[in-house]
N, C-alpha and C. Protein backbone atom coordinates (compact mmCIF):
# COMPACT_ATOMS: atom_id res chain seq x y z
N MET A 1 -46.51 -3.56 -43.46
CA MET A 1 -47.24 -3.71 -44.66
C MET A 1 -46.43 -2.80 -45.82
N SER A 2 -46.58 -3.29 -47.00
CA SER A 2 -45.85 -2.67 -48.13
C SER A 2 -46.56 -1.54 -48.60
N ARG A 3 -45.85 -0.59 -49.15
CA ARG A 3 -46.57 0.46 -49.82
C ARG A 3 -47.36 -0.01 -51.07
N THR A 4 -46.98 -0.91 -51.76
CA THR A 4 -47.55 -1.49 -52.81
C THR A 4 -47.90 -2.89 -52.84
N PRO A 5 -48.96 -3.30 -52.21
CA PRO A 5 -49.17 -4.70 -52.11
C PRO A 5 -49.52 -5.45 -53.38
N TRP A 6 -50.05 -4.60 -54.32
CA TRP A 6 -50.34 -5.13 -55.69
C TRP A 6 -49.14 -5.63 -56.31
N ALA A 7 -48.01 -4.87 -56.19
CA ALA A 7 -46.84 -5.33 -56.91
C ALA A 7 -46.09 -6.49 -56.23
N LEU A 8 -46.36 -6.61 -54.95
CA LEU A 8 -45.96 -7.89 -54.35
C LEU A 8 -46.74 -9.09 -54.88
N ARG A 9 -48.02 -8.95 -54.98
CA ARG A 9 -48.87 -10.07 -55.47
C ARG A 9 -48.59 -10.33 -56.72
N ALA A 10 -48.50 -9.38 -57.66
CA ALA A 10 -48.02 -9.54 -59.05
C ALA A 10 -46.73 -10.18 -59.21
N GLY A 11 -45.86 -9.74 -58.41
CA GLY A 11 -44.41 -10.27 -58.46
C GLY A 11 -44.39 -11.74 -58.09
N GLU A 12 -45.12 -12.03 -56.98
CA GLU A 12 -45.20 -13.46 -56.47
C GLU A 12 -45.84 -14.31 -57.57
N PHE A 13 -46.92 -13.86 -58.26
CA PHE A 13 -47.56 -14.55 -59.24
C PHE A 13 -46.51 -14.93 -60.42
N ILE A 14 -45.81 -13.85 -60.73
CA ILE A 14 -44.77 -13.95 -62.00
C ILE A 14 -43.68 -15.04 -61.42
N LEU A 15 -43.22 -14.93 -60.18
CA LEU A 15 -42.26 -15.94 -59.72
C LEU A 15 -42.79 -17.34 -59.64
N ARG A 16 -43.95 -17.58 -59.28
CA ARG A 16 -44.52 -18.83 -59.26
C ARG A 16 -44.65 -19.35 -60.56
N ARG A 17 -45.02 -18.54 -61.59
CA ARG A 17 -45.00 -19.09 -62.92
C ARG A 17 -43.69 -19.41 -63.57
N ILE A 18 -42.65 -18.64 -63.15
CA ILE A 18 -41.32 -18.92 -63.63
C ILE A 18 -40.70 -20.19 -62.90
N CYS A 19 -41.08 -20.45 -61.65
CA CYS A 19 -40.56 -21.52 -60.99
C CYS A 19 -41.21 -22.84 -61.41
N ARG A 20 -42.26 -22.67 -62.06
CA ARG A 20 -43.14 -23.93 -62.52
C ARG A 20 -42.33 -24.95 -63.30
N GLY A 21 -41.33 -24.30 -64.10
CA GLY A 21 -40.45 -25.17 -65.08
C GLY A 21 -39.34 -25.83 -64.29
N LEU A 22 -39.06 -25.50 -63.05
CA LEU A 22 -37.92 -25.99 -62.32
C LEU A 22 -38.38 -27.36 -61.68
N PRO A 23 -37.39 -28.18 -61.29
CA PRO A 23 -37.75 -29.31 -60.50
C PRO A 23 -38.27 -28.81 -59.15
N ALA A 24 -39.17 -29.72 -58.54
CA ALA A 24 -40.04 -29.26 -57.35
C ALA A 24 -39.18 -28.71 -56.32
N GLU A 25 -38.23 -29.37 -55.82
CA GLU A 25 -37.39 -28.88 -54.71
C GLU A 25 -36.68 -27.68 -54.92
N GLN A 26 -36.10 -27.59 -56.21
CA GLN A 26 -35.34 -26.37 -56.57
C GLN A 26 -36.37 -25.29 -56.83
N ALA A 27 -37.51 -25.54 -57.25
CA ALA A 27 -38.60 -24.43 -57.39
C ALA A 27 -38.94 -23.81 -56.13
N GLU A 28 -39.04 -24.63 -55.11
CA GLU A 28 -39.45 -24.10 -53.76
C GLU A 28 -38.35 -23.21 -53.17
N ASP A 29 -37.10 -23.66 -53.36
CA ASP A 29 -35.97 -22.82 -52.75
C ASP A 29 -35.89 -21.54 -53.54
N CYS A 30 -35.94 -21.58 -54.92
CA CYS A 30 -35.82 -20.42 -55.71
C CYS A 30 -36.94 -19.45 -55.45
N PHE A 31 -38.21 -19.88 -55.38
CA PHE A 31 -39.23 -19.10 -55.09
C PHE A 31 -39.16 -18.31 -53.73
N ALA A 32 -38.72 -19.19 -52.74
CA ALA A 32 -38.58 -18.54 -51.37
C ALA A 32 -37.51 -17.44 -51.43
N GLU A 33 -36.42 -17.71 -52.01
CA GLU A 33 -35.24 -16.78 -52.12
C GLU A 33 -35.59 -15.54 -52.89
N TRP A 34 -36.22 -15.66 -54.04
CA TRP A 34 -36.69 -14.61 -54.93
C TRP A 34 -37.68 -13.73 -54.34
N ALA A 35 -38.72 -14.38 -53.72
CA ALA A 35 -39.90 -13.69 -53.08
C ALA A 35 -39.44 -12.87 -51.88
N ALA A 36 -38.45 -13.37 -51.27
CA ALA A 36 -37.87 -12.67 -49.96
C ALA A 36 -37.27 -11.30 -50.47
N GLU A 37 -36.93 -11.13 -51.61
CA GLU A 37 -36.26 -9.85 -52.11
C GLU A 37 -37.40 -8.74 -52.42
N LEU A 38 -38.64 -9.21 -52.69
CA LEU A 38 -39.66 -8.28 -53.22
C LEU A 38 -39.94 -7.21 -52.19
N PRO A 39 -40.21 -7.58 -50.89
CA PRO A 39 -40.54 -6.51 -49.95
C PRO A 39 -39.35 -5.47 -49.86
N ALA A 40 -38.25 -5.88 -49.98
CA ALA A 40 -37.12 -4.85 -49.74
C ALA A 40 -37.19 -3.94 -50.95
N ILE A 41 -37.49 -4.49 -52.21
CA ILE A 41 -37.48 -3.65 -53.46
C ILE A 41 -38.63 -2.71 -53.30
N CYS A 42 -39.80 -3.29 -52.96
CA CYS A 42 -41.02 -2.34 -52.90
C CYS A 42 -41.03 -1.28 -51.85
N ASP A 43 -40.42 -1.63 -50.69
CA ASP A 43 -40.32 -0.77 -49.66
C ASP A 43 -39.28 0.36 -49.64
N ASP A 44 -38.52 0.45 -50.76
CA ASP A 44 -37.54 1.39 -50.86
C ASP A 44 -37.86 2.80 -50.80
N GLU A 45 -37.74 3.51 -49.70
CA GLU A 45 -38.25 4.89 -49.45
C GLU A 45 -37.70 5.97 -50.36
N ALA A 46 -36.57 5.63 -50.93
CA ALA A 46 -35.76 6.55 -51.79
C ALA A 46 -36.45 6.73 -53.11
N LEU A 47 -37.24 5.79 -53.54
CA LEU A 47 -37.92 5.70 -54.80
C LEU A 47 -39.38 6.10 -54.66
N PRO A 48 -39.92 6.76 -55.73
CA PRO A 48 -41.47 6.93 -55.70
C PRO A 48 -42.11 5.62 -55.77
N ARG A 49 -43.26 5.59 -55.40
CA ARG A 49 -44.06 4.32 -55.39
C ARG A 49 -44.17 3.63 -56.76
N TRP A 50 -44.39 4.39 -57.85
CA TRP A 50 -44.46 3.80 -59.16
C TRP A 50 -43.20 3.10 -59.59
N ARG A 51 -42.08 3.83 -59.19
CA ARG A 51 -40.70 3.35 -59.52
C ARG A 51 -40.35 2.01 -58.77
N ALA A 52 -40.62 2.11 -57.58
CA ALA A 52 -40.35 0.84 -56.78
C ALA A 52 -41.15 -0.27 -57.23
N SER A 53 -42.44 -0.11 -57.58
CA SER A 53 -43.33 -1.16 -58.17
C SER A 53 -42.68 -1.67 -59.46
N THR A 54 -42.28 -0.81 -60.35
CA THR A 54 -41.77 -1.15 -61.63
C THR A 54 -40.43 -1.90 -61.34
N ARG A 55 -39.68 -1.45 -60.53
CA ARG A 55 -38.42 -2.12 -60.26
C ARG A 55 -38.55 -3.59 -59.69
N ALA A 56 -39.59 -3.74 -58.89
CA ALA A 56 -39.93 -5.01 -58.35
C ALA A 56 -40.37 -5.97 -59.46
N LEU A 57 -41.26 -5.48 -60.32
CA LEU A 57 -41.67 -6.34 -61.47
C LEU A 57 -40.64 -6.65 -62.38
N ALA A 58 -39.78 -5.67 -62.62
CA ALA A 58 -38.68 -5.92 -63.49
C ALA A 58 -37.67 -7.00 -63.01
N TYR A 59 -37.52 -6.92 -61.64
CA TYR A 59 -36.70 -7.93 -60.95
C TYR A 59 -37.34 -9.29 -61.10
N CYS A 60 -38.68 -9.48 -60.92
CA CYS A 60 -39.38 -10.78 -61.18
C CYS A 60 -39.05 -11.25 -62.54
N LEU A 61 -39.35 -10.39 -63.63
CA LEU A 61 -39.19 -10.81 -64.88
C LEU A 61 -37.77 -11.22 -65.29
N GLY A 62 -36.82 -10.51 -64.57
CA GLY A 62 -35.41 -10.87 -64.80
C GLY A 62 -35.10 -12.28 -64.32
N GLN A 63 -35.72 -12.85 -63.43
CA GLN A 63 -35.53 -14.15 -62.78
C GLN A 63 -35.87 -15.14 -63.92
N ARG A 64 -36.64 -14.81 -64.94
CA ARG A 64 -36.97 -15.87 -66.01
C ARG A 64 -35.75 -16.29 -66.64
N ARG A 65 -34.76 -15.48 -66.90
CA ARG A 65 -33.52 -15.79 -67.48
C ARG A 65 -32.61 -16.73 -66.62
N THR A 66 -32.75 -16.32 -65.32
CA THR A 66 -32.03 -17.17 -64.35
C THR A 66 -32.55 -18.61 -64.29
N ALA A 67 -33.81 -18.67 -64.31
CA ALA A 67 -34.51 -19.99 -64.28
C ALA A 67 -34.13 -20.82 -65.49
N GLY A 68 -33.99 -20.24 -66.56
CA GLY A 68 -33.50 -20.94 -67.83
C GLY A 68 -32.23 -21.61 -67.58
N PHE A 69 -31.42 -20.92 -66.86
CA PHE A 69 -30.04 -21.50 -66.70
C PHE A 69 -30.04 -22.65 -65.67
N LEU A 70 -31.01 -22.62 -64.78
CA LEU A 70 -31.19 -23.50 -63.64
C LEU A 70 -31.91 -24.82 -64.18
N MET A 71 -32.55 -24.87 -65.26
CA MET A 71 -33.24 -25.97 -65.70
C MET A 71 -32.27 -27.08 -66.16
N PRO A 72 -32.64 -28.32 -65.97
CA PRO A 72 -31.77 -29.32 -66.36
C PRO A 72 -31.72 -29.53 -67.94
N PRO A 73 -30.77 -30.11 -68.46
CA PRO A 73 -30.70 -30.18 -69.91
C PRO A 73 -31.81 -31.10 -70.42
N PRO A 74 -32.33 -30.86 -71.56
CA PRO A 74 -33.47 -31.74 -72.09
C PRO A 74 -32.95 -33.06 -72.39
N ASP A 75 -33.89 -34.09 -72.28
CA ASP A 75 -33.74 -35.45 -72.60
C ASP A 75 -33.68 -35.57 -74.19
N ASP A 76 -32.76 -36.62 -74.60
CA ASP A 76 -32.65 -36.82 -75.97
C ASP A 76 -33.97 -37.36 -76.51
N ASP A 77 -34.46 -36.80 -77.63
CA ASP A 77 -35.68 -37.16 -78.27
C ASP A 77 -35.39 -37.68 -79.74
N SER A 78 -35.66 -38.95 -79.99
CA SER A 78 -35.37 -39.48 -81.28
C SER A 78 -36.09 -38.75 -82.39
N ALA A 79 -37.34 -38.16 -82.08
CA ALA A 79 -37.98 -37.41 -83.11
C ALA A 79 -37.19 -36.12 -83.62
N GLU A 80 -36.47 -35.62 -82.76
CA GLU A 80 -35.57 -34.49 -82.93
C GLU A 80 -34.49 -34.83 -84.09
N MET A 81 -34.16 -36.07 -84.26
CA MET A 81 -33.25 -36.36 -85.36
C MET A 81 -33.85 -36.13 -86.74
N LEU A 82 -35.12 -36.11 -86.88
CA LEU A 82 -35.85 -35.76 -88.06
C LEU A 82 -35.55 -34.53 -88.53
N ARG A 83 -35.32 -33.54 -87.62
CA ARG A 83 -35.01 -32.11 -87.98
C ARG A 83 -33.72 -32.04 -88.77
N ALA A 84 -32.84 -32.99 -88.64
CA ALA A 84 -31.56 -32.98 -89.38
C ALA A 84 -31.72 -33.57 -90.80
N ALA A 85 -32.85 -33.98 -91.19
CA ALA A 85 -32.97 -34.72 -92.56
C ALA A 85 -32.57 -33.76 -93.77
N PRO A 86 -33.01 -32.51 -93.67
CA PRO A 86 -32.66 -31.75 -94.83
C PRO A 86 -31.04 -31.60 -94.87
N LEU A 87 -30.43 -31.45 -93.97
CA LEU A 87 -28.97 -31.33 -93.90
C LEU A 87 -28.24 -32.64 -94.35
N ILE A 88 -28.87 -33.78 -93.92
CA ILE A 88 -28.30 -35.11 -94.44
C ILE A 88 -28.51 -35.22 -95.91
N ALA A 89 -29.75 -34.78 -96.37
CA ALA A 89 -30.04 -34.97 -97.88
C ALA A 89 -29.12 -34.09 -98.64
N ALA A 90 -28.82 -32.78 -98.16
CA ALA A 90 -28.13 -31.88 -98.90
C ALA A 90 -26.52 -32.44 -98.91
N ALA A 91 -26.11 -33.02 -97.98
CA ALA A 91 -24.68 -33.55 -97.86
C ALA A 91 -24.72 -34.73 -98.83
N LEU A 92 -25.74 -35.53 -98.99
CA LEU A 92 -25.73 -36.73 -99.77
C LEU A 92 -25.73 -36.18 -101.36
N ILE A 93 -26.47 -35.13 -101.59
CA ILE A 93 -26.49 -34.64 -103.00
C ILE A 93 -25.24 -34.11 -103.33
N PHE A 94 -24.53 -33.44 -102.42
CA PHE A 94 -23.19 -32.78 -102.67
C PHE A 94 -22.22 -33.86 -102.97
N ALA A 95 -22.36 -34.91 -102.07
CA ALA A 95 -21.26 -36.01 -102.22
C ALA A 95 -21.44 -36.82 -103.57
N PHE A 96 -22.59 -37.01 -104.05
CA PHE A 96 -22.76 -37.85 -105.27
C PHE A 96 -23.13 -36.94 -106.57
N ASP A 97 -23.11 -35.66 -106.46
CA ASP A 97 -23.32 -34.84 -107.61
C ASP A 97 -22.33 -34.86 -108.54
N ASP A 98 -22.57 -34.76 -109.85
CA ASP A 98 -21.52 -34.75 -110.81
C ASP A 98 -21.10 -33.38 -111.28
N SER A 99 -21.85 -32.35 -110.96
CA SER A 99 -21.64 -30.88 -111.11
C SER A 99 -21.45 -30.53 -112.67
N HIS A 100 -21.74 -31.47 -113.54
CA HIS A 100 -21.67 -31.15 -114.93
C HIS A 100 -23.04 -31.34 -115.59
N GLY A 101 -23.45 -30.44 -116.40
CA GLY A 101 -24.67 -30.48 -117.14
C GLY A 101 -25.92 -30.03 -116.29
N LEU A 102 -27.07 -30.15 -116.83
CA LEU A 102 -28.28 -29.71 -116.23
C LEU A 102 -28.59 -30.53 -114.96
N VAL A 103 -28.44 -31.80 -114.91
CA VAL A 103 -28.80 -32.62 -113.70
C VAL A 103 -27.81 -32.12 -112.60
N GLY A 104 -26.63 -31.77 -112.89
CA GLY A 104 -25.68 -31.36 -111.89
C GLY A 104 -26.07 -29.99 -111.31
N ASP A 105 -26.55 -29.05 -112.05
CA ASP A 105 -26.99 -27.84 -111.69
C ASP A 105 -28.26 -27.97 -110.79
N ILE A 106 -29.20 -28.73 -111.23
CA ILE A 106 -30.47 -28.96 -110.51
C ILE A 106 -30.01 -29.56 -109.16
N GLY A 107 -29.14 -30.56 -109.14
CA GLY A 107 -28.71 -31.17 -107.86
C GLY A 107 -28.10 -30.20 -106.98
N THR A 108 -27.30 -29.31 -107.50
CA THR A 108 -26.66 -28.30 -106.68
C THR A 108 -27.68 -27.27 -106.14
N TYR A 109 -28.54 -26.81 -106.85
CA TYR A 109 -29.68 -25.86 -106.39
C TYR A 109 -30.45 -26.56 -105.43
N THR A 110 -30.77 -27.81 -105.53
CA THR A 110 -31.53 -28.60 -104.55
C THR A 110 -30.79 -28.67 -103.29
N ALA A 111 -29.52 -29.07 -103.27
CA ALA A 111 -28.69 -29.09 -102.11
C ALA A 111 -28.58 -27.83 -101.43
N GLU A 112 -28.47 -26.71 -102.14
CA GLU A 112 -28.39 -25.42 -101.57
C GLU A 112 -29.77 -25.11 -100.90
N LEU A 113 -30.75 -25.39 -101.53
CA LEU A 113 -32.13 -25.15 -100.79
C LEU A 113 -32.28 -26.03 -99.52
N LEU A 114 -31.83 -27.17 -99.57
CA LEU A 114 -31.91 -28.12 -98.50
C LEU A 114 -31.07 -27.53 -97.38
N SER A 115 -29.86 -27.04 -97.69
CA SER A 115 -29.00 -26.54 -96.72
C SER A 115 -29.66 -25.23 -96.07
N VAL A 116 -30.33 -24.38 -96.78
CA VAL A 116 -30.92 -23.30 -96.13
C VAL A 116 -32.14 -23.74 -95.15
N ILE A 117 -32.90 -24.74 -95.78
CA ILE A 117 -33.89 -25.31 -94.88
C ILE A 117 -33.40 -25.89 -93.68
N ALA A 118 -32.28 -26.50 -93.70
CA ALA A 118 -31.57 -27.18 -92.47
C ALA A 118 -31.10 -26.01 -91.50
N VAL A 119 -30.79 -24.90 -92.00
CA VAL A 119 -30.38 -23.86 -91.04
C VAL A 119 -31.58 -23.37 -90.20
N PHE A 120 -32.75 -23.33 -90.83
CA PHE A 120 -33.92 -22.92 -90.13
C PHE A 120 -34.47 -24.03 -89.11
N THR A 121 -34.36 -25.22 -89.59
CA THR A 121 -34.86 -26.29 -88.68
C THR A 121 -33.99 -26.69 -87.66
N LEU A 122 -32.72 -26.47 -87.82
CA LEU A 122 -31.71 -26.92 -86.76
C LEU A 122 -31.29 -25.81 -85.78
N ARG A 123 -32.04 -24.69 -85.78
CA ARG A 123 -31.67 -23.49 -84.95
C ARG A 123 -32.13 -23.95 -83.47
N PRO A 124 -31.46 -23.43 -82.46
CA PRO A 124 -31.95 -23.85 -81.09
C PRO A 124 -33.37 -23.41 -80.88
N ARG A 125 -34.28 -24.29 -80.18
CA ARG A 125 -35.54 -23.99 -79.94
C ARG A 125 -35.75 -23.78 -78.44
N ARG A 126 -36.67 -23.08 -77.99
CA ARG A 126 -36.97 -23.06 -76.54
C ARG A 126 -37.83 -24.27 -76.29
N THR A 127 -37.67 -24.77 -75.04
CA THR A 127 -38.33 -26.02 -74.59
C THR A 127 -39.62 -25.50 -73.80
N LYS A 128 -40.59 -26.34 -73.97
CA LYS A 128 -41.73 -26.23 -73.09
C LYS A 128 -41.96 -27.50 -72.26
N ARG A 129 -42.34 -27.31 -71.06
CA ARG A 129 -42.62 -28.45 -70.21
C ARG A 129 -44.02 -28.65 -70.00
N LYS A 130 -44.44 -29.96 -70.06
CA LYS A 130 -45.87 -30.40 -69.80
C LYS A 130 -45.79 -31.47 -68.81
N ASN A 131 -46.40 -31.29 -67.69
CA ASN A 131 -46.52 -32.26 -66.58
C ASN A 131 -45.07 -32.70 -66.08
N GLY A 132 -44.06 -31.85 -66.10
CA GLY A 132 -42.75 -32.07 -65.64
C GLY A 132 -41.73 -32.78 -66.58
N SER A 133 -42.31 -33.06 -67.78
CA SER A 133 -41.45 -33.64 -68.78
C SER A 133 -40.99 -32.61 -69.76
N ARG A 134 -39.89 -32.78 -70.38
CA ARG A 134 -39.36 -31.86 -71.27
C ARG A 134 -39.64 -32.29 -72.78
N GLY A 135 -40.13 -31.28 -73.51
CA GLY A 135 -40.35 -31.56 -74.92
C GLY A 135 -39.91 -30.34 -75.57
N SER A 136 -39.78 -30.41 -76.96
CA SER A 136 -39.30 -29.26 -77.58
C SER A 136 -40.38 -28.62 -78.38
N GLY A 137 -40.30 -27.33 -78.65
CA GLY A 137 -41.41 -26.70 -79.35
C GLY A 137 -41.27 -25.41 -79.84
């Protein structure tokens, strides 16, 4: 029996939540592999009880990053193309702008504003899964 069963239960809970985003077969394998490490970390006699528990929970939370690398790439979503609209509009304004006079200045400022908006809308986003499908959010 482990010195800190609460840390094992909490660690297994965290690992189950992390493995939820993985495909079913891979999730089972990863959970079994990662959960097998927990007793060894918690039962380390060289560490005080609180330190061993903290190390076990830190290990579990660290597996979140690993699970992110194991997830399959997202499916292409046609709605995601809408996020590129400000960049396309800015490119069109720059291409057809005459850059002389008031209309040219307004067009340039509008294109610059759209370019800034495009930077924020096109940044990489974390994906969320619902019912095994990938969506962005």
